[in-house]
Protein backbone atom coordinates (compact mmCIF):
# COMPACT_ATOMS: atom_id res chain seq x y z
CA UNK A 1 0.80 -42.78 -34.00
CA UNK A 2 -0.39 -39.51 -36.25
CA UNK A 3 0.91 -35.91 -35.57
CA UNK A 4 -1.58 -34.89 -33.21
CA UNK A 5 -1.71 -38.22 -30.88
CA UNK A 6 2.08 -37.58 -31.09
CA UNK A 7 1.96 -34.00 -29.93
CA UNK A 8 -0.86 -34.75 -27.16
CA UNK A 9 1.28 -37.49 -25.46
CA UNK A 10 4.03 -35.25 -25.22
CA UNK A 11 2.33 -32.39 -23.71
CA UNK A 12 0.65 -34.41 -21.13
CA UNK A 13 3.82 -35.98 -20.34
CA UNK A 14 5.37 -32.48 -20.01
CA UNK A 15 2.84 -31.27 -17.52
CA UNK A 16 2.56 -34.18 -15.90
CA UNK A 17 4.23 -33.21 -12.41
CA UNK A 18 2.56 -29.81 -12.57
CA UNK A 19 -1.06 -31.83 -13.09
CA UNK A 20 -0.37 -33.94 -10.04
CA UNK A 21 0.76 -31.30 -7.86
CA UNK A 22 -2.26 -29.52 -8.73
CA UNK A 23 -4.16 -32.36 -7.86
CA UNK A 24 -2.67 -33.19 -4.60
CA UNK A 25 -3.36 -29.80 -3.41
CA UNK A 26 -7.41 -30.09 -4.43
CA UNK A 27 -7.15 -33.17 -2.80
CA UNK A 28 -5.88 -32.05 0.35
CA UNK A 29 -9.06 -30.14 1.09
CA UNK A 30 -11.64 -32.54 2.89
CA UNK A 31 -14.60 -31.30 1.05
CA UNK A 32 -17.02 -33.96 2.61
CA UNK A 33 -20.56 -32.92 1.62
CA UNK A 34 -22.21 -35.45 4.26
CA UNK A 35 -20.82 -33.54 7.07
CA UNK A 36 -22.34 -29.88 8.00
CA UNK A 37 -19.22 -29.08 9.72
CA UNK A 38 -17.09 -29.26 6.45
CA UNK A 39 -19.40 -26.96 4.31
CA UNK A 40 -16.71 -24.34 4.31
CA UNK A 41 -14.33 -26.80 3.03
CA UNK A 42 -16.70 -28.04 0.32
CA UNK A 43 -17.06 -24.21 -0.42
CA UNK A 44 -13.28 -24.03 -0.49
CA UNK A 45 -13.20 -27.06 -3.08
CA UNK A 46 -15.32 -25.29 -5.59
CA UNK A 47 -13.45 -22.11 -5.55
CA UNK A 48 -10.39 -23.99 -6.03
CA UNK A 49 -11.72 -25.32 -9.06
CA UNK A 50 -12.93 -22.37 -10.30
CA UNK A 51 -9.40 -21.07 -10.05
CA UNK A 52 -7.78 -23.83 -11.63
CA UNK A 53 -10.77 -23.59 -14.65
CA UNK A 54 -9.30 -20.27 -15.47
CA UNK A 55 -5.69 -20.93 -15.27
CA UNK A 56 -6.68 -23.68 -18.01
CA UNK A 57 -7.92 -20.90 -20.18
CA UNK A 58 -11.75 -21.30 -19.72
CA UNK A 59 -13.14 -17.91 -19.99
CA UNK A 60 -16.21 -18.17 -18.26
CA UNK A 61 -16.04 -19.66 -14.84
CA UNK A 62 -18.91 -19.42 -12.19
CA UNK A 63 -19.49 -20.81 -8.76
CA UNK A 64 -23.39 -21.55 -8.36
CA UNK A 65 -24.84 -21.36 -5.08
CA UNK A 66 -27.60 -24.06 -4.45
CA UNK A 67 -29.88 -24.43 -0.94
CA UNK A 68 -27.39 -26.63 -0.32
CA UNK A 69 -23.53 -26.81 -1.34
CA UNK A 70 -21.98 -25.13 -4.44
CA UNK A 71 -21.36 -26.53 -7.91
CA UNK A 72 -18.90 -25.27 -10.45
CA UNK A 73 -19.96 -24.03 -14.12
CA UNK A 74 -17.45 -23.33 -16.89
CA UNK A 75 -17.73 -23.19 -20.49
CA UNK A 76 -15.00 -22.67 -23.32
CA UNK A 77 -16.93 -21.81 -26.73
CA UNK A 78 -15.56 -22.97 -30.07
CA UNK A 79 -14.56 -21.08 -32.87
CA UNK A 80 -16.21 -22.95 -35.04
CA UNK A 81 -19.74 -22.49 -36.18
CA UNK A 82 -21.14 -26.05 -36.60
CA UNK A 83 -19.07 -27.34 -33.17
CA UNK A 84 -21.61 -29.75 -31.20
CA UNK A 85 -21.66 -28.72 -27.66
CA UNK A 86 -20.59 -31.09 -24.76
CA UNK A 87 -21.26 -31.04 -21.16
CA UNK A 88 -18.91 -32.69 -18.95
CA UNK A 89 -20.48 -33.68 -15.16
CA UNK A 90 -17.81 -34.51 -12.11
CA UNK A 91 -18.27 -33.58 -8.75
CA UNK A 92 -16.20 -32.47 -6.05
CA UNK A 93 -17.53 -33.46 -2.89
CA UNK A 94 -16.08 -36.45 -1.30
CA UNK A 95 -17.05 -39.41 1.41
CA UNK A 96 -16.09 -38.99 5.27
CA UNK A 97 -12.60 -40.25 5.92
CA UNK A 98 -10.50 -40.33 8.88
CA UNK A 99 -7.27 -42.26 9.71
CA UNK A 100 -8.80 -43.51 12.89
CA UNK A 101 -11.03 -45.47 10.03
CA UNK A 102 -7.92 -47.85 9.41
CA UNK A 103 -6.30 -45.88 6.65
CA UNK A 104 -2.66 -46.51 5.93
CA UNK A 105 -1.96 -42.92 5.87
CA UNK A 106 -3.70 -39.46 6.12
CA UNK A 107 -6.82 -39.23 3.69
CA UNK A 108 -6.53 -35.58 3.36
CA UNK A 109 -2.80 -35.84 3.16
CA UNK A 110 -2.29 -37.04 -0.60
CA UNK A 111 0.60 -39.80 -0.45
CA UNK A 112 2.49 -40.99 -3.65
CA UNK A 113 3.50 -44.71 -3.38
CA UNK A 114 5.15 -46.01 -6.31
CA UNK A 115 2.40 -45.16 -9.49
CA UNK A 116 -0.29 -44.88 -6.92
CA UNK A 117 -1.62 -41.42 -5.48
CA UNK A 118 -3.79 -42.52 -1.94
CA UNK A 119 -6.23 -39.64 -0.64
CA UNK A 120 -9.77 -39.58 -0.08
CA UNK A 121 -11.34 -38.01 -3.77
CA UNK A 122 -8.50 -39.56 -5.81
CA UNK A 123 -10.44 -41.66 -7.90
CA UNK A 124 -13.75 -40.73 -6.91
CA UNK A 125 -14.13 -37.84 -8.51
CA UNK A 126 -11.33 -35.17 -8.20
CA UNK A 127 -8.79 -36.77 -10.19
CA UNK A 128 -11.09 -37.87 -13.32
CA UNK A 129 -12.35 -34.26 -13.05
CA UNK A 130 -9.12 -32.80 -13.04
CA UNK A 131 -7.59 -34.60 -16.20
CA UNK A 132 -9.95 -32.83 -18.37
CA UNK A 133 -8.36 -29.85 -17.63
CA UNK A 134 -4.96 -31.52 -18.74
CA UNK A 135 -6.62 -32.64 -21.76
CA UNK A 136 -8.21 -30.08 -23.07
CA UNK A 137 -4.87 -27.91 -22.60
CA UNK A 138 -2.91 -30.82 -24.55
CA UNK A 139 -6.06 -31.08 -27.08
CA UNK A 140 -5.33 -27.11 -28.09
CA UNK A 141 -1.64 -27.74 -28.18
CA UNK A 142 -1.50 -30.60 -30.09
CA UNK A 143 -3.85 -28.95 -33.06
CA UNK A 144 -2.76 -25.54 -33.01
CA UNK A 145 -6.62 -24.58 -31.64
CA UNK A 146 -6.91 -21.54 -29.79
CA UNK A 147 -10.58 -23.08 -28.82
CA UNK A 148 -11.55 -25.99 -28.53
CA UNK A 149 -13.20 -28.13 -31.28
CA UNK A 150 -16.42 -28.56 -29.52
CA UNK A 151 -18.62 -25.76 -27.10
CA UNK A 152 -17.03 -27.31 -24.05
CA UNK A 153 -19.09 -26.98 -20.98
CA UNK A 154 -18.46 -28.37 -17.41
CA UNK A 155 -20.73 -28.92 -14.19
CA UNK A 156 -19.11 -29.92 -11.21
CA UNK A 157 -21.38 -30.45 -7.99
CA UNK A 158 -20.72 -30.55 -4.30
CA UNK A 159 -23.27 -32.87 -3.51
CA UNK A 160 -23.23 -36.25 -5.59
CA UNK A 161 -21.84 -38.38 -2.41
CA UNK A 162 -24.96 -36.89 -0.29
CA UNK A 163 -27.53 -38.43 -2.85
CA UNK A 164 -27.47 -34.95 -5.25
CA UNK A 165 -30.75 -33.36 -3.55
CA UNK A 166 -30.59 -29.95 -5.63
CA UNK A 167 -29.13 -31.49 -8.97
CA UNK A 168 -32.25 -31.99 -11.09
CA UNK A 169 -33.38 -28.28 -9.86
CA UNK A 170 -30.24 -27.02 -10.44
CA UNK A 171 -30.47 -28.82 -13.74
CA UNK A 172 -33.92 -27.44 -14.30
CA UNK A 173 -33.15 -23.76 -13.32
CA UNK A 174 -29.80 -23.43 -15.39
CA UNK A 175 -31.15 -25.67 -18.44
CA UNK A 176 -30.51 -22.70 -20.83
CA UNK A 177 -26.75 -22.44 -19.53
CA UNK A 178 -26.47 -26.13 -19.66
CA UNK A 179 -27.73 -27.22 -22.94
CA UNK A 180 -26.01 -29.60 -25.12
CA UNK A 181 -25.91 -32.15 -28.09
CA UNK A 182 -23.96 -34.85 -25.40
CA UNK A 183 -23.35 -35.34 -21.70
CA UNK A 184 -19.23 -36.79 -20.59
CA UNK A 185 -19.58 -38.41 -17.37
CA UNK A 186 -16.13 -39.16 -15.89
CA UNK A 187 -17.48 -40.39 -12.51
CA UNK A 188 -16.91 -44.13 -13.31
CA UNK A 189 -14.17 -46.48 -14.39
CA UNK A 190 -12.91 -49.36 -16.58
CA UNK A 191 -12.88 -53.30 -16.19
CA UNK A 192 -8.98 -53.51 -15.59
CA UNK A 193 -6.24 -51.40 -16.25
CA UNK A 194 -5.39 -53.91 -19.10
CA UNK A 195 -8.95 -54.21 -20.19
CA UNK A 196 -9.73 -50.54 -20.79
CA UNK A 197 -13.77 -50.13 -21.23
CA UNK A 198 -16.58 -48.02 -21.47
CA UNK A 199 -20.05 -47.91 -19.45
CA UNK A 200 -23.00 -47.45 -21.66
CA UNK A 201 -25.55 -47.09 -18.78
CA UNK A 202 -26.78 -47.30 -15.29
CA UNK A 203 -29.80 -49.11 -13.50
CA UNK A 204 -32.64 -46.88 -12.22
CA UNK A 205 -34.17 -47.16 -8.69
CA UNK A 206 -37.76 -47.56 -7.32
CA UNK A 207 -38.41 -48.30 -3.04
CA UNK A 208 -40.82 -48.82 -0.99
CA UNK A 209 -41.77 -49.80 2.23
CA UNK A 210 -44.69 -52.19 2.78
CA UNK A 211 -46.57 -52.39 6.30
CA UNK A 212 -49.22 -54.81 7.30
CA UNK A 213 -51.28 -54.26 9.84
CA UNK A 214 -53.40 -56.59 11.37
CA UNK A 215 -54.91 -56.69 15.32
CA UNK A 216 -54.66 -53.30 17.30
CA UNK A 217 -52.30 -55.11 19.80
CA UNK A 218 -50.13 -58.20 19.65
CA UNK A 219 -52.70 -61.00 20.54
CA UNK A 220 -52.13 -64.65 22.05
CA UNK A 221 -51.53 -67.05 19.66
CA UNK A 222 -53.45 -69.62 21.37
CA UNK A 223 -56.08 -68.03 22.08
CA UNK A 224 -56.52 -66.42 18.41
CA UNK A 225 -53.77 -67.50 16.23
CA UNK A 226 -55.16 -69.45 13.14
CA UNK A 227 -58.71 -67.74 13.59
CA UNK A 228 -57.49 -64.25 13.00
CA UNK A 229 -55.16 -63.07 9.92
CA UNK A 230 -51.24 -62.67 10.65
CA UNK A 231 -49.77 -59.50 9.43
CA UNK A 232 -46.30 -61.47 9.35
CA UNK A 233 -47.46 -64.24 7.87
CA UNK A 234 -49.51 -62.50 5.15
CA UNK A 235 -46.11 -60.43 4.32
CA UNK A 236 -44.09 -63.11 4.02
CA UNK A 237 -46.40 -64.66 1.39
CA UNK A 238 -46.76 -61.62 -0.34
CA UNK A 239 -42.63 -61.34 -0.35
CA UNK A 240 -42.66 -65.33 -1.58
CA UNK A 241 -44.66 -64.25 -4.78
CA UNK A 242 -42.30 -61.47 -5.99
CA UNK A 243 -40.45 -64.09 -8.23
CA UNK A 244 -41.28 -67.08 -10.01
CA UNK A 245 -39.24 -70.08 -9.52
CA UNK A 246 -36.98 -69.03 -12.35
CA UNK A 247 -36.22 -65.73 -10.37
CA UNK A 248 -38.03 -63.73 -12.83
CA UNK A 249 -40.08 -60.73 -10.92
CA UNK A 250 -43.62 -61.85 -11.12
CA UNK A 251 -45.45 -58.42 -10.57
CA UNK A 252 -47.70 -58.00 -13.79
CA UNK A 253 -46.66 -54.93 -15.94
CA UNK A 254 -43.27 -54.85 -14.10
CA UNK A 255 -41.21 -55.61 -17.04
CA UNK A 256 -42.82 -53.11 -19.72
CA UNK A 257 -40.26 -51.20 -21.24
CA UNK A 258 -37.52 -53.80 -20.57
CA UNK A 259 -35.75 -55.06 -23.96
CA UNK A 260 -34.09 -57.75 -24.71
CA UNK A 261 -29.83 -57.68 -24.82
CA UNK A 262 -28.56 -58.18 -28.52
CA UNK A 263 -26.48 -61.00 -29.14
CA UNK A 264 -23.52 -58.27 -29.89
CA UNK A 265 -24.24 -56.93 -26.36
CA UNK A 266 -24.28 -60.34 -24.86
CA UNK A 267 -20.86 -61.23 -27.11
CA UNK A 268 -19.41 -57.96 -25.91
CA UNK A 269 -19.89 -58.96 -22.28
CA UNK A 270 -18.71 -62.24 -22.89
CA UNK A 271 -15.19 -60.79 -23.90
CA UNK A 272 -14.40 -59.32 -20.55
CA UNK A 273 -12.13 -61.55 -18.30
CA UNK A 274 -14.82 -62.23 -15.80
CA UNK A 275 -13.71 -64.63 -12.57
CA UNK A 276 -16.90 -65.75 -10.99
CA UNK A 277 -15.29 -66.78 -8.20
CA UNK A 278 -13.44 -63.85 -7.42
CA UNK A 279 -16.42 -61.49 -7.88
CA UNK A 280 -18.35 -64.14 -5.41
CA UNK A 281 -15.82 -63.47 -2.97
CA UNK A 282 -15.94 -59.86 -3.36
CA UNK A 283 -20.00 -60.39 -3.12
CA UNK A 284 -19.31 -62.58 0.35
CA UNK A 285 -21.31 -64.85 -1.16
CA UNK A 286 -20.94 -68.71 -2.09
CA UNK A 287 -23.05 -68.88 -4.59
CA UNK A 288 -24.57 -67.19 -7.98
CA UNK A 289 -27.94 -66.72 -8.39
CA UNK A 290 -30.85 -64.92 -10.06
CA UNK A 291 -33.15 -64.68 -13.21
CA UNK A 292 -32.43 -67.95 -15.27
CA UNK A 293 -31.16 -68.00 -18.57
CA UNK A 294 -28.83 -64.91 -17.92
CA UNK A 295 -25.01 -64.84 -16.84
CA UNK A 296 -24.14 -62.59 -13.74
CA UNK A 297 -22.89 -59.98 -15.38
CA UNK A 298 -26.13 -59.40 -17.78
CA UNK A 299 -28.37 -60.08 -14.34
CA UNK A 300 -26.50 -57.25 -12.64
CA UNK A 301 -26.20 -54.65 -15.58
CA UNK A 302 -29.20 -55.40 -17.79
CA UNK A 303 -31.84 -57.14 -16.08
CA UNK A 304 -34.33 -55.52 -13.66
CA UNK A 305 -34.26 -57.06 -9.90
CA UNK A 306 -36.41 -56.89 -6.63
CA UNK A 307 -34.60 -57.43 -3.68
CA UNK A 308 -35.92 -57.79 0.02
CA UNK A 309 -33.66 -54.84 1.90
CA UNK A 310 -35.30 -55.82 5.23
CA UNK A 311 -38.38 -57.49 6.69
CA UNK A 312 -39.23 -57.40 10.58
CA UNK A 313 -42.53 -57.62 12.64
CA UNK A 314 -43.39 -59.61 16.12
CA UNK A 315 -41.18 -60.43 18.80
CA UNK A 316 -37.64 -60.94 18.27
CA UNK A 317 -36.13 -60.68 21.33
CA UNK A 318 -34.84 -63.72 24.10
CA UNK A 319 -36.91 -66.36 24.75
CA UNK A 320 -40.23 -67.00 23.85
CA UNK A 321 -43.26 -64.75 23.21
CA UNK A 322 -46.35 -66.75 21.70
CA UNK A 323 -48.28 -64.00 19.75
CA UNK A 324 -49.91 -62.67 16.65
CA UNK A 325 -48.13 -59.75 15.95
CA UNK A 326 -50.04 -56.50 15.65
CA UNK A 327 -47.67 -55.25 12.44
CA UNK A 328 -45.04 -56.53 9.85
CA UNK A 329 -42.90 -54.64 7.29
CA UNK A 330 -40.68 -54.99 4.63
CA UNK A 331 -38.12 -52.44 2.31
CA UNK A 332 -38.03 -53.72 -1.15
CA UNK A 333 -36.02 -52.21 -3.85
CA UNK A 334 -36.37 -52.27 -7.53
CA UNK A 335 -33.46 -51.93 -9.95
CA UNK A 336 -34.95 -50.62 -13.41
CA UNK A 337 -33.14 -50.69 -17.02
CA UNK A 338 -33.72 -49.75 -20.45
CA UNK A 339 -37.22 -47.64 -20.35
CA UNK A 340 -38.44 -48.69 -17.12
CA UNK A 341 -40.48 -45.68 -15.31
CA UNK A 342 -40.47 -45.40 -11.31
CA UNK A 343 -43.77 -44.06 -11.60
CA UNK A 344 -45.21 -46.71 -13.54
CA UNK A 345 -43.40 -48.94 -11.52
CA UNK A 346 -45.23 -47.72 -8.49
CA UNK A 347 -48.44 -48.04 -10.25
CA UNK A 348 -47.94 -51.70 -11.13
CA UNK A 349 -46.51 -52.48 -7.68
CA UNK A 350 -49.27 -50.87 -5.78
CA UNK A 351 -51.87 -52.72 -8.43
CA UNK A 352 -50.02 -56.25 -7.29
CA UNK A 353 -50.22 -55.60 -3.42
CA UNK A 354 -53.89 -54.64 -2.93
CA UNK A 355 -54.83 -57.78 -4.57
CA UNK A 356 -52.86 -59.84 -2.33
CA UNK A 357 -53.95 -58.18 1.18
CA UNK A 358 -56.15 -60.58 2.80
CA UNK A 359 -59.10 -59.59 4.29
CA UNK A 360 -58.48 -58.27 8.02
CA UNK A 361 -55.39 -56.54 7.04
CA UNK A 362 -54.81 -52.99 6.25
CA UNK A 363 -51.57 -52.40 3.98
CA UNK A 364 -49.77 -49.09 3.77
CA UNK A 365 -47.26 -48.64 1.08
CA UNK A 366 -44.72 -45.50 1.07
CA UNK A 367 -42.60 -45.08 -2.12
CA UNK A 368 -39.32 -43.15 -2.27
CA UNK A 369 -38.44 -40.76 -4.90
CA UNK A 370 -37.50 -43.16 -8.11
CA UNK A 371 -34.67 -42.86 -10.14
CA UNK A 372 -34.85 -43.72 -14.13
CA UNK A 373 -32.31 -45.80 -15.80
CA UNK A 374 -29.95 -44.16 -18.27
CA UNK A 375 -28.80 -45.97 -21.77
CA UNK A 376 -27.07 -45.11 -24.75
CA UNK A 377 -27.25 -47.59 -27.58
CA UNK A 378 -23.91 -48.71 -28.89
CA UNK A 379 -24.26 -47.59 -32.22
CA UNK A 380 -25.06 -43.77 -30.92
CA UNK A 381 -22.49 -41.62 -32.72
CA UNK A 382 -21.33 -40.19 -29.21
CA UNK A 383 -20.75 -43.30 -27.49
CA UNK A 384 -18.58 -44.51 -30.77
CA UNK A 385 -16.93 -41.22 -30.17
CA UNK A 386 -15.64 -42.40 -26.75
CA UNK A 387 -14.58 -45.96 -28.03
CA UNK A 388 -12.29 -44.34 -30.88
CA UNK A 389 -11.00 -42.03 -28.22
CA UNK A 390 -10.03 -44.38 -25.72
CA UNK A 391 -8.90 -46.45 -28.33
CA UNK A 392 -6.55 -44.07 -29.72
CA UNK A 393 -5.03 -43.72 -25.86
CA UNK A 394 -5.12 -47.46 -24.79
CA UNK A 395 -4.16 -48.66 -28.26
CA UNK A 396 -6.32 -51.82 -27.89
CA UNK A 397 -10.23 -52.60 -27.84
CA UNK A 398 -12.43 -50.70 -25.88
CA UNK A 399 -15.14 -52.91 -24.27
CA UNK A 400 -18.33 -52.16 -22.95
CA UNK A 401 -19.70 -52.51 -19.56
CA UNK A 402 -22.71 -51.20 -17.57
CA UNK A 403 -23.48 -50.08 -13.92
CA UNK A 404 -25.52 -52.34 -11.81
CA UNK A 405 -26.03 -49.35 -9.46
CA UNK A 406 -27.88 -45.79 -9.93
CA UNK A 407 -26.81 -41.92 -9.85
CA UNK A 408 -27.59 -38.57 -11.21
CA UNK A 409 -26.99 -39.54 -14.53
CA UNK A 410 -30.93 -40.26 -15.64
CA UNK A 411 -31.23 -36.68 -14.23
CA UNK A 412 -28.86 -35.14 -16.46
CA UNK A 413 -30.40 -37.36 -19.66
CA UNK A 414 -33.82 -36.23 -18.89
CA UNK A 415 -33.75 -32.82 -18.14
CA UNK A 416 -31.09 -31.62 -20.70
CA UNK A 417 -32.42 -34.10 -23.10
CA UNK A 418 -29.09 -35.33 -24.32
CA UNK A 419 -27.38 -38.85 -24.67
CA UNK A 420 -24.75 -39.59 -21.56
CA UNK A 421 -21.63 -41.34 -22.40
CA UNK A 422 -19.00 -42.29 -19.79
CA UNK A 423 -15.44 -41.60 -19.75
CA UNK A 424 -13.64 -42.96 -16.66
CA UNK A 425 -10.32 -44.49 -15.82
CA UNK A 426 -10.76 -45.61 -12.29
CA UNK A 427 -10.46 -49.22 -11.43
CA UNK A 428 -12.16 -51.76 -9.36
CA UNK A 429 -9.75 -51.60 -6.31
CA UNK A 430 -9.40 -47.97 -5.99
CA UNK A 431 -10.97 -48.21 -2.70
CA UNK A 432 -14.38 -45.88 -3.62
CA UNK A 433 -15.92 -44.87 -0.37
CA UNK A 434 -13.56 -47.03 1.45
CA UNK A 435 -10.24 -46.86 3.06
CA UNK A 436 -6.92 -46.20 1.31
CA UNK A 437 -8.58 -44.74 -1.68
CA UNK A 438 -6.54 -44.31 -4.68
CA UNK A 439 -5.74 -43.97 -8.20
CA UNK A 440 -3.28 -44.98 -10.73
CA UNK A 441 -1.16 -42.24 -12.06
CA UNK A 442 -0.68 -43.48 -15.64
CA UNK A 443 -4.49 -44.38 -15.99
CA UNK A 444 -5.05 -40.83 -15.02
CA UNK A 445 -2.68 -39.32 -17.95
CA UNK A 446 -4.08 -41.93 -19.73
CA UNK A 447 -7.61 -40.30 -19.01
CA UNK A 448 -6.68 -36.99 -20.32
CA UNK A 449 -5.30 -38.69 -23.44
CA UNK A 450 -8.68 -39.94 -24.03
CA UNK A 451 -10.19 -36.55 -23.29
CA UNK A 452 -7.76 -34.95 -25.35
CA UNK A 453 -8.87 -36.91 -28.23
CA UNK A 454 -12.55 -37.08 -27.75
CA UNK A 455 -13.24 -33.47 -28.66
CA UNK A 456 -11.79 -34.35 -32.33
CA UNK A 457 -13.72 -37.18 -32.71
CA UNK A 458 -17.22 -35.61 -31.36
CA UNK A 459 -16.69 -32.84 -33.57
CA UNK A 460 -15.42 -35.31 -36.70
CA UNK A 461 -19.09 -37.45 -35.94
CA UNK A 462 -20.65 -34.25 -36.29
CA UNK A 463 -19.20 -33.72 -39.61
CA UNK A 464 -19.94 -37.50 -40.64
CA UNK A 465 -16.15 -38.45 -40.39
CA UNK A 466 -14.16 -40.18 -38.06
CA UNK A 467 -10.73 -38.65 -37.69
CA UNK A 468 -9.14 -42.21 -37.47
CA UNK A 469 -10.04 -42.67 -41.34
CA UNK A 470 -8.36 -39.36 -42.58
CA UNK A 471 -6.78 -37.26 -40.35
CA UNK A 472 -4.27 -39.60 -38.93
């Protein structure tokens, strides 16, 4: 362990109790963005964070109002003229929670049980935002610097749990203030406590509702069935044609922009201690399925999908009602990867559906707002800086994962035109959005340690040298 690393560890150990006390105070604020009655608490959470950032030493701290709920911005310039600029993203709002939901302890009365801290927001995302404040102080104390090795900025929004409805506009409006060389997202996690990992990307999303209309009213299936087009039958045929026999999405042009995994990426995924039977239990499913030629993790993380979220039409009440229904409907979502574009997906889906609408059926398509995928190449210098920083903190190999879901990271990448990397230490059983959300306190401190190293590593990557080679 280098002198710098030892100093970081000692500083974090000496200030751990104060850090956890601050976190408990923040967690006690029920900043539920989805509840209009909690708007004042979300604002109170923003101002609490602003005060904590000032106490940590950030010279510029601002609460930014939006048409919805406030975000917090902070900035601490480096004294080094060639320092890279890093923007940390997180959120201070939380999901709804109440003791009556089945919590073992009151969700907004933080409770310590051994190494665990239970409270709504402990992992998602207040704990992982706050460790950056401890991390930057440890970075300064251990290196003797008076400013960070990078130009450090934070943007902590207050509406992520409500779908970030105003984030993209805020990013565009404040693009000059938020300009950066890399975005660090600390709203994710690791594979396991003994298998630290970093996420390298998230899938995008496109959604559509398909409405097939036939007769102007339900009609008698004996008098007219088999002689007029049935919208439910037509829609069923369309849905059945979404995939070929190998589970491959069969829409022409759908895979434009999808790259294949490299052998190194597949080997990295294969190193993870994945137990498919446990995963199936969490999935409430009796069997794995999907695109042929890919493992379960590859399907979830690195392949695009088409999923029927719901399908309905005609009579579904008790007994029988023998009709040709007037309409049938389906909701379909597409998870996107690599360079797939939601607007292009809409174009190819419209063309594919239009070719399959039989005469006598009127089709309506209603697409939602799409989300672009987010992916950082494994050899990107910023990602390698994260891997080195986490490796120093955990003293082991850092593996790679991806997220199967979608989030605001694509907006950060697209609007700010900067790569996105992930530094998170939450565990799969931390209970995000569920009862008894918790965080492992030792892992939060490891997150602070990795953050302390990261600023040094990113600055060194700008200079073309890694601290691990010469400075330890």
